PDB file of N, CA and C in Angstrom:
ATOM      1  N   MET A   1      89.732 107.351  37.759  1.00  0.00           N
ATOM      2  CA  MET A   1      89.460 108.726  38.102  1.00  0.00           C
ATOM      3  C   MET A   1      87.991 108.819  38.522  1.00  0.00           C
ATOM      4  N   THR A   2      87.792 109.237  39.736  1.00  0.00           N
ATOM      5  CA  THR A   2      86.433 109.273  40.256  1.00  0.00           C
ATOM      6  C   THR A   2      85.770 110.615  39.910  1.00  0.00           C
ATOM      7  N   GLN A   3      84.491 110.644  40.164  1.00  0.00           N
ATOM      8  CA  GLN A   3      83.719 111.842  39.883  1.00  0.00           C
ATOM      9  C   GLN A   3      84.162 113.016  40.768  1.00  0.00           C
ATOM     10  N   GLU A   4      84.542 112.712  42.004  1.00  0.00           N
ATOM     11  CA  GLU A   4      84.984 113.761  42.920  1.00  0.00           C
ATOM     12  C   GLU A   4      86.273 114.412  42.443  1.00  0.00           C
ATOM     13  N   VAL A   5      87.183 113.611  41.893  1.00  0.00           N
ATOM     14  CA  VAL A   5      88.450 114.142  41.399  1.00  0.00           C
ATOM     15  C   VAL A   5      88.200 115.070  40.209  1.00  0.00           C
ATOM     16  N   VAL A   6      87.330 114.643  39.310  1.00  0.00           N
ATOM     17  CA  VAL A   6      87.019 115.466  38.137  1.00  0.00           C
ATOM     18  C   VAL A   6      86.368 116.783  38.563  1.00  0.00           C
ATOM     19  N   LEU A   7      85.439 116.705  39.510  1.00  0.00           N
ATOM     20  CA  LEU A   7      84.780 117.917  39.988  1.00  0.00           C
ATOM     21  C   LEU A   7      85.754 118.846  40.718  1.00  0.00           C
ATOM     22  N   ASP A   8      86.710 118.273  41.438  1.00  0.00           N
ATOM     23  CA  ASP A   8      87.713 119.090  42.118  1.00  0.00           C
ATOM     24  C   ASP A   8      88.621 119.797  41.112  1.00  0.00           C
ATOM     25  N   ILE A   9      89.018 119.098  40.065  1.00  0.00           N
ATOM     26  CA  ILE A   9      89.841 119.715  39.018  1.00  0.00           C
ATOM     27  C   ILE A   9      89.052 120.821  38.323  1.00  0.00           C
ATOM     28  N   LEU A  10      87.778 120.567  38.047  1.00  0.00           N
ATOM     29  CA  LEU A  10      86.941 121.583  37.415  1.00  0.00           C
ATOM     30  C   LEU A  10      86.779 122.801  38.322  1.00  0.00           C
ATOM     31  N   ARG A  11      86.609 122.569  39.623  1.00  0.00           N
ATOM     32  CA  ARG A  11      86.473 123.677  40.570  1.00  0.00           C
ATOM     33  C   ARG A  11      87.748 124.513  40.599  1.00  0.00           C
ATOM     34  N   GLN A  12      88.898 123.844  40.627  1.00  0.00           N
ATOM     35  CA  GLN A  12      90.174 124.563  40.633  1.00  0.00           C
ATOM     36  C   GLN A  12      90.382 125.342  39.326  1.00  0.00           C
ATOM     37  N   ALA A  13      89.974 124.753  38.207  1.00  0.00           N
ATOM     38  CA  ALA A  13      90.120 125.432  36.913  1.00  0.00           C
ATOM     39  C   ALA A  13      89.232 126.670  36.844  1.00  0.00           C
ATOM     40  N   LEU A  14      88.006 126.566  37.321  1.00  0.00           N
ATOM     41  CA  LEU A  14      87.116 127.721  37.319  1.00  0.00           C
ATOM     42  C   LEU A  14      87.611 128.816  38.258  1.00  0.00           C
ATOM     43  N   LYS A  15      88.131 128.408  39.413  1.00  0.00           N
ATOM     44  CA  LYS A  15      88.690 129.383  40.360  1.00  0.00           C
ATOM     45  C   LYS A  15      89.876 130.105  39.735  1.00  0.00           C
ATOM     46  N   THR A  16      90.720 129.373  39.041  1.00  0.00           N
ATOM     47  CA  THR A  16      91.876 129.967  38.377  1.00  0.00           C
ATOM     48  C   THR A  16      91.436 130.914  37.268  1.00  0.00           C
ATOM     49  N   ALA A  17      90.428 130.518  36.508  1.00  0.00           N
ATOM     50  CA  ALA A  17      89.931 131.371  35.430  1.00  0.00           C
ATOM     51  C   ALA A  17      89.355 132.676  35.976  1.00  0.00           C
ATOM     52  N   VAL A  18      88.633 132.595  37.075  1.00  0.00           N
ATOM     53  CA  VAL A  18      88.076 133.810  37.689  1.00  0.00           C
ATOM     54  C   VAL A  18      89.192 134.697  38.223  1.00  0.00           C
ATOM     55  N   LEU A  19      90.183 134.093  38.862  1.00  0.00           N
ATOM     56  CA  LEU A  19      91.313 134.877  39.378  1.00  0.00           C
ATOM     57  C   LEU A  19      92.074 135.576  38.256  1.00  0.00           C
ATOM     58  N   LEU A  20      92.235 134.903  37.132  1.00  0.00           N
ATOM     59  CA  LEU A  20      92.987 135.484  36.031  1.00  0.00           C
ATOM     60  C   LEU A  20      92.212 136.590  35.316  1.00  0.00           C
ATOM     61  N   SER A  21      90.905 136.459  35.244  1.00  0.00           N
ATOM     62  CA  SER A  21      90.122 137.455  34.512  1.00  0.00           C
ATOM     63  C   SER A  21      89.688 138.632  35.384  1.00  0.00           C
ATOM     64  N   ALA A  22      89.714 138.494  36.700  1.00  0.00           N
ATOM     65  CA  ALA A  22      89.203 139.535  37.592  1.00  0.00           C
ATOM     66  C   ALA A  22      89.897 140.890  37.433  1.00  0.00           C
ATOM     67  N   PRO A  23      91.225 140.968  37.400  1.00  0.00           N
ATOM     68  CA  PRO A  23      91.846 142.293  37.272  1.00  0.00           C
ATOM     69  C   PRO A  23      91.464 143.013  35.976  1.00  0.00           C
ATOM     70  N   LEU A  24      91.435 142.282  34.872  1.00  0.00           N
ATOM     71  CA  LEU A  24      91.080 142.901  33.599  1.00  0.00           C
ATOM     72  C   LEU A  24      89.642 143.386  33.610  1.00  0.00           C
ATOM     73  N   LEU A  25      88.755 142.548  34.109  1.00  0.00           N
ATOM     74  CA  LEU A  25      87.347 142.924  34.143  1.00  0.00           C
ATOM     75  C   LEU A  25      87.085 144.085  35.085  1.00  0.00           C
ATOM     76  N   LEU A  26      87.758 144.106  36.218  1.00  0.00           N
ATOM     77  CA  LEU A  26      87.564 145.204  37.163  1.00  0.00           C
ATOM     78  C   LEU A  26      88.076 146.527  36.597  1.00  0.00           C
ATOM     79  N   PHE A  27      89.236 146.515  35.952  1.00  0.00           N
ATOM     80  CA  PHE A  27      89.740 147.739  35.332  1.00  0.00           C
ATOM     81  C   PHE A  27      88.777 148.214  34.246  1.00  0.00           C
ATOM     82  N   GLY A  28      88.293 147.287  33.418  1.00  0.00           N
ATOM     83  CA  GLY A  28      87.342 147.649  32.374  1.00  0.00           C
ATOM     84  C   GLY A  28      86.037 148.174  32.937  1.00  0.00           C
ATOM     85  N   LEU A  29      85.576 147.584  34.034  1.00  0.00           N
ATOM     86  CA  LEU A  29      84.337 148.024  34.666  1.00  0.00           C
ATOM     87  C   LEU A  29      84.468 149.436  35.225  1.00  0.00           C
ATOM     88  N   VAL A  30      85.541 149.694  35.944  1.00  0.00           N
ATOM     89  CA  VAL A  30      85.728 151.016  36.551  1.00  0.00           C
ATOM     90  C   VAL A  30      85.843 152.091  35.475  1.00  0.00           C
ATOM     91  N   VAL A  31      86.639 151.842  34.464  1.00  0.00           N
ATOM     92  CA  VAL A  31      86.801 152.828  33.395  1.00  0.00           C
ATOM     93  C   VAL A  31      85.501 152.982  32.615  1.00  0.00           C
ATOM     94  N   GLY A  32      84.766 151.906  32.418  1.00  0.00           N
ATOM     95  CA  GLY A  32      83.488 151.985  31.726  1.00  0.00           C
ATOM     96  C   GLY A  32      82.474 152.825  32.480  1.00  0.00           C
ATOM     97  N   VAL A  33      82.409 152.662  33.787  1.00  0.00           N
ATOM     98  CA  VAL A  33      81.480 153.460  34.592  1.00  0.00           C
ATOM     99  C   VAL A  33      81.871 154.937  34.543  1.00  0.00           C
ATOM    100  N   ILE A  34      83.163 155.216  34.690  1.00  0.00           N
ATOM    101  CA  ILE A  34      83.620 156.611  34.635  1.00  0.00           C
ATOM    102  C   ILE A  34      83.316 157.219  33.263  1.00  0.00           C
ATOM    103  N   THR A  35      83.565 156.466  32.210  1.00  0.00           N
ATOM    104  CA  THR A  35      83.293 156.953  30.859  1.00  0.00           C
ATOM    105  C   THR A  35      81.803 157.184  30.643  1.00  0.00           C
ATOM    106  N   ASN A  36      80.976 156.283  31.122  1.00  0.00           N
ATOM    107  CA  ASN A  36      79.530 156.448  30.970  1.00  0.00           C
ATOM    108  C   ASN A  36      79.016 157.648  31.755  1.00  0.00           C
ATOM    109  N   ILE A  37      79.557 157.875  32.939  1.00  0.00           N
ATOM    110  CA  ILE A  37      79.163 159.066  33.704  1.00  0.00           C
ATOM    111  C   ILE A  37      79.574 160.325  32.949  1.00  0.00           C
ATOM    112  N   PHE A  38      80.782 160.328  32.404  1.00  0.00           N
ATOM    113  CA  PHE A  38      81.250 161.476  31.614  1.00  0.00           C
ATOM    114  C   PHE A  38      80.355 161.712  30.409  1.00  0.00           C
ATOM    115  N   GLN A  39      79.968 160.627  29.717  1.00  0.00           N
ATOM    116  CA  GLN A  39      79.100 160.762  28.555  1.00  0.00           C
ATOM    117  C   GLN A  39      77.713 161.259  28.952  1.00  0.00           C
ATOM    118  N   ALA A  40      77.203 160.826  30.081  1.00  0.00           N
ATOM    119  CA  ALA A  40      75.884 161.275  30.526  1.00  0.00           C
ATOM    120  C   ALA A  40      75.907 162.744  30.914  1.00  0.00           C
ATOM    121  N   VAL A  41      76.975 163.181  31.552  1.00  0.00           N
ATOM    122  CA  VAL A  41      77.072 164.574  31.983  1.00  0.00           C
ATOM    123  C   VAL A  41      77.227 165.500  30.781  1.00  0.00           C
ATOM    124  N   THR A  42      78.062 165.105  29.830  1.00  0.00           N
ATOM    125  CA  THR A  42      78.329 165.968  28.678  1.00  0.00           C
ATOM    126  C   THR A  42      77.394 165.698  27.504  1.00  0.00           C
ATOM    127  N   GLN A  43      76.565 164.698  27.586  1.00  0.00           N
ATOM    128  CA  GLN A  43      75.624 164.281  26.536  1.00  0.00           C
ATOM    129  C   GLN A  43      76.332 163.950  25.227  1.00  0.00           C
ATOM    130  N   LEU A  44      77.511 163.374  25.340  1.00  0.00           N
ATOM    131  CA  LEU A  44      78.226 162.867  24.170  1.00  0.00           C
ATOM    132  C   LEU A  44      77.863 161.403  23.974  1.00  0.00           C
ATOM    133  N   SER A  45      77.610 161.024  22.743  1.00  0.00           N
ATOM    134  CA  SER A  45      77.282 159.620  22.483  1.00  0.00           C
ATOM    135  C   SER A  45      78.238 159.033  21.451  1.00  0.00           C
ATOM    136  N   GLU A  46      79.489 159.331  21.621  1.00  0.00           N
ATOM    137  CA  GLU A  46      80.520 158.832  20.715  1.00  0.00           C
ATOM    138  C   GLU A  46      80.907 157.406  21.110  1.00  0.00           C
ATOM    139  N   THR A  47      80.849 156.491  20.164  1.00  0.00           N
ATOM    140  CA  THR A  47      81.141 155.084  20.439  1.00  0.00           C
ATOM    141  C   THR A  47      82.605 154.876  20.807  1.00  0.00           C
ATOM    142  N   THR A  48      83.487 155.558  20.109  1.00  0.00           N
ATOM    143  CA  THR A  48      84.914 155.369  20.406  1.00  0.00           C
ATOM    144  C   THR A  48      85.272 155.871  21.795  1.00  0.00           C
ATOM    145  N   LEU A  49      84.533 156.856  22.291  1.00  0.00           N
ATOM    146  CA  LEU A  49      84.780 157.361  23.634  1.00  0.00           C
ATOM    147  C   LEU A  49      84.443 156.309  24.689  1.00  0.00           C
ATOM    148  N   ALA A  50      83.546 155.405  24.359  1.00  0.00           N
ATOM    149  CA  ALA A  50      83.180 154.351  25.303  1.00  0.00           C
ATOM    150  C   ALA A  50      84.115 153.150  25.212  1.00  0.00           C
ATOM    151  N   VAL A  51      84.628 152.865  24.029  1.00  0.00           N
ATOM    152  CA  VAL A  51      85.376 151.623  23.809  1.00  0.00           C
ATOM    153  C   VAL A  51      86.882 151.783  24.025  1.00  0.00           C
ATOM    154  N   VAL A  52      87.461 152.822  23.491  1.00  0.00           N
ATOM    155  CA  VAL A  52      88.920 152.985  23.520  1.00  0.00           C
ATOM    156  C   VAL A  52      89.478 153.062  24.939  1.00  0.00           C
ATOM    157  N   PRO A  53      88.878 153.845  25.848  1.00  0.00           N
ATOM    158  CA  PRO A  53      89.421 153.859  27.216  1.00  0.00           C
ATOM    159  C   PRO A  53      89.338 152.501  27.910  1.00  0.00           C
ATOM    160  N   LYS A  54      88.293 151.730  27.625  1.00  0.00           N
ATOM    161  CA  LYS A  54      88.191 150.386  28.230  1.00  0.00           C
ATOM    162  C   LYS A  54      89.319 149.492  27.736  1.00  0.00           C
ATOM    163  N   PHE A  55      89.573 149.528  26.434  1.00  0.00           N
ATOM    164  CA  PHE A  55      90.669 148.718  25.892  1.00  0.00           C
ATOM    165  C   PHE A  55      92.008 149.146  26.482  1.00  0.00           C
ATOM    166  N   ALA A  56      92.206 150.448  26.594  1.00  0.00           N
ATOM    167  CA  ALA A  56      93.463 150.952  27.151  1.00  0.00           C
ATOM    168  C   ALA A  56      93.616 150.526  28.614  1.00  0.00           C
ATOM    169  N   ALA A  57      92.533 150.617  29.387  1.00  0.00           N
ATOM    170  CA  ALA A  57      92.598 150.216  30.800  1.00  0.00           C
ATOM    171  C   ALA A  57      92.852 148.725  30.934  1.00  0.00           C
ATOM    172  N   MET A  58      92.209 147.933  30.087  1.00  0.00           N
ATOM    173  CA  MET A  58      92.415 146.486  30.168  1.00  0.00           C
ATOM    174  C   MET A  58      93.825 146.109  29.734  1.00  0.00           C
ATOM    175  N   PHE A  59      94.367 146.821  28.760  1.00  0.00           N
ATOM    176  CA  PHE A  59      95.750 146.576  28.349  1.00  0.00           C
ATOM    177  C   PHE A  59      96.720 146.952  29.462  1.00  0.00           C
ATOM    178  N   LEU A  60      96.451 148.076  30.135  1.00  0.00           N
ATOM    179  CA  LEU A  60      97.277 148.485  31.275  1.00  0.00           C
ATOM    180  C   LEU A  60      97.203 147.449  32.396  1.00  0.00           C
ATOM    181  N   ALA A  61      96.004 146.943  32.667  1.00  0.00           N
ATOM    182  CA  ALA A  61      95.853 145.904  33.691  1.00  0.00           C
ATOM    183  C   ALA A  61      96.611 144.647  33.297  1.00  0.00           C
ATOM    184  N   LEU A  62      96.575 144.309  32.025  1.00  0.00           N
ATOM    185  CA  LEU A  62      97.312 143.132  31.558  1.00  0.00           C
ATOM    186  C   LEU A  62      98.812 143.314  31.755  1.00  0.00           C
ATOM    187  N   LEU A  63      99.311 144.502  31.475  1.00  0.00           N
ATOM    188  CA  LEU A  63     100.737 144.772  31.692  1.00  0.00           C
ATOM    189  C   LEU A  63     101.100 144.729  33.171  1.00  0.00           C
ATOM    190  N   LEU A  64     100.236 145.294  34.017  1.00  0.00           N
ATOM    191  CA  LEU A  64     100.529 145.335  35.445  1.00  0.00           C
ATOM    192  C   LEU A  64     100.430 143.968  36.111  1.00  0.00           C
ATOM    193  N   PHE A  65      99.438 143.188  35.729  1.00  0.00           N
ATOM    194  CA  PHE A  65      99.163 141.936  36.418  1.00  0.00           C
ATOM    195  C   PHE A  65      99.704 140.698  35.708  1.00  0.00           C
ATOM    196  N   SER A  66     100.360 140.857  34.576  1.00  0.00           N
ATOM    197  CA  SER A  66     100.830 139.675  33.846  1.00  0.00           C
ATOM    198  C   SER A  66     101.835 138.820  34.631  1.00  0.00           C
ATOM    199  N   PRO A  67     102.754 139.374  35.412  1.00  0.00           N
ATOM    200  CA  PRO A  67     103.635 138.482  36.193  1.00  0.00           C
ATOM    201  C   PRO A  67     102.843 137.647  37.212  1.00  0.00           C
ATOM    202  N   TRP A  68     101.896 138.282  37.890  1.00  0.00           N
ATOM    203  CA  TRP A  68     101.070 137.548  38.854  1.00  0.00           C
ATOM    204  C   TRP A  68     100.205 136.506  38.140  1.00  0.00           C
ATOM    205  N   MET A  69      99.641 136.873  37.001  1.00  0.00           N
ATOM    206  CA  MET A  69      98.802 135.938  36.239  1.00  0.00           C
ATOM    207  C   MET A  69      99.623 134.730  35.773  1.00  0.00           C
ATOM    208  N   LEU A  70     100.838 134.990  35.350  1.00  0.00           N
ATOM    209  CA  LEU A  70     101.721 133.906  34.917  1.00  0.00           C
ATOM    210  C   LEU A  70     102.041 132.971  36.080  1.00  0.00           C
ATOM    211  N   ASP A  71     102.266 133.521  37.257  1.00  0.00           N
ATOM    212  CA  ASP A  71     102.509 132.698  38.445  1.00  0.00           C
ATOM    213  C   ASP A  71     101.297 131.835  38.787  1.00  0.00           C
ATOM    214  N   VAL A  72     100.104 132.411  38.713  1.00  0.00           N
ATOM    215  CA  VAL A  72      98.882 131.671  39.050  1.00  0.00           C
ATOM    216  C   VAL A  72      98.671 130.519  38.077  1.00  0.00           C
ATOM    217  N   ILE A  73      98.777 130.784  36.789  1.00  0.00           N
ATOM    218  CA  ILE A  73      98.534 129.730  35.796  1.00  0.00           C
ATOM    219  C   ILE A  73      99.644 128.684  35.823  1.00  0.00           C
ATOM    220  N   THR A  74     100.881 129.100  36.134  1.00  0.00           N
ATOM    221  CA  THR A  74     101.979 128.138  36.240  1.00  0.00           C
ATOM    222  C   THR A  74     101.786 127.226  37.452  1.00  0.00           C
ATOM    223  N   ASP A  75     101.404 127.803  38.580  1.00  0.00           N
ATOM    224  CA  ASP A  75     101.142 126.987  39.776  1.00  0.00           C
ATOM    225  C   ASP A  75     100.007 126.000  39.539  1.00  0.00           C
ATOM    226  N   PHE A  76      98.948 126.443  38.871  1.00  0.00           N
ATOM    227  CA  PHE A  76      97.826 125.550  38.577  1.00  0.00           C
ATOM    228  C   PHE A  76      98.270 124.409  37.667  1.00  0.00           C
ATOM    229  N   THR A  77      99.046 124.735  36.639  1.00  0.00           N
ATOM    230  CA  THR A  77      99.495 123.707  35.700  1.00  0.00           C
ATOM    231  C   THR A  77     100.436 122.713  36.371  1.00  0.00           C
ATOM    232  N   ILE A  78     101.358 123.196  37.195  1.00  0.00           N
ATOM    233  CA  ILE A  78     102.274 122.295  37.905  1.00  0.00           C
ATOM    234  C   ILE A  78     101.498 121.381  38.839  1.00  0.00           C
ATOM    235  N   GLN A  79     100.543 121.947  39.564  1.00  0.00           N
ATOM    236  CA  GLN A  79      99.718 121.142  40.467  1.00  0.00           C
ATOM    237  C   GLN A  79      98.926 120.092  39.692  1.00  0.00           C
ATOM    238  N   LEU A  80      98.416 120.477  38.535  1.00  0.00           N
ATOM    239  CA  LEU A  80      97.656 119.535  37.710  1.00  0.00           C
ATOM    240  C   LEU A  80      98.551 118.396  37.221  1.00  0.00           C
ATOM    241  N   PHE A  81      99.759 118.721  36.757  1.00  0.00           N
ATOM    242  CA  PHE A  81     100.678 117.691  36.286  1.00  0.00           C
ATOM    243  C   PHE A  81     101.163 116.790  37.421  1.00  0.00           C
ATOM    244  N   GLU A  82     101.366 117.360  38.604  1.00  0.00           N
ATOM    245  CA  GLU A  82     101.810 116.544  39.735  1.00  0.00           C
ATOM    246  C   GLU A  82     100.721 115.587  40.213  1.00  0.00           C
ATOM    247  N   ASN A  83      99.471 115.929  40.004  1.00  0.00           N
ATOM    248  CA  ASN A  83      98.367 115.080  40.449  1.00  0.00           C
ATOM    249  C   ASN A  83      97.912 114.067  39.410  1.00  0.00           C
ATOM    250  N   ILE A  84      98.559 114.021  38.259  1.00  0.00           N
ATOM    251  CA  ILE A  84      98.171 113.059  37.221  1.00  0.00           C
ATOM    252  C   ILE A  84      98.326 111.612  37.703  1.00  0.00           C
ATOM    253  N   PRO A  85      99.435 111.224  38.328  1.00  0.00           N
ATOM    254  CA  PRO A  85      99.548 109.823  38.768  1.00  0.00           C
ATOM    255  C   PRO A  85      98.452 109.433  39.777  1.00  0.00           C
ATOM    256  N   ALA A  86      98.090 110.318  40.672  1.00  0.00           N
ATOM    257  CA  ALA A  86      97.055 110.002  41.650  1.00  0.00           C
ATOM    258  C   ALA A  86      95.681 109.963  41.004  1.00  0.00           C
ATOM    259  N   ALA A  87      95.471 110.770  39.974  1.00  0.00           N
ATOM    260  CA  ALA A  87      94.164 110.823  39.326  1.00  0.00           C
ATOM    261  C   ALA A  87      93.922 109.629  38.421  1.00  0.00           C
ATOM    262  N   VAL A  88      94.994 109.042  37.880  1.00  0.00           N
ATOM    263  CA  VAL A  88      94.847 107.935  36.934  1.00  0.00           C
ATOM    264  C   VAL A  88      94.485 106.632  37.663  1.00  0.00           C
ATOM    265  N   ARG A  89      94.915 106.500  38.905  1.00  0.00           N
ATOM    266  CA  ARG A  89      94.665 105.252  39.648  1.00  0.00           C
ATOM    267  C   ARG A  89      93.231 104.980  39.835  1.00  0.00           C
TER     268      ARG A  89
END
């Protein structure tokens, strides 16, 4: 297994990790910004008001994107297993 093969596998793994985490992070970011704007306008500094909507949005994103996420991670794993014989040589 050469250095290029290891770096290519690492690049693919990082790309997959970013793809899988992006929907959750984006939903959390958007809801967090909206919540922070609401808190700034109303001058409320309630901690649960900042945290609970983010968790709910991220859970909703997980429900919406879980079939796609499962497809992405399954494709990556199948590709990784199929390339084992070529990587071992």
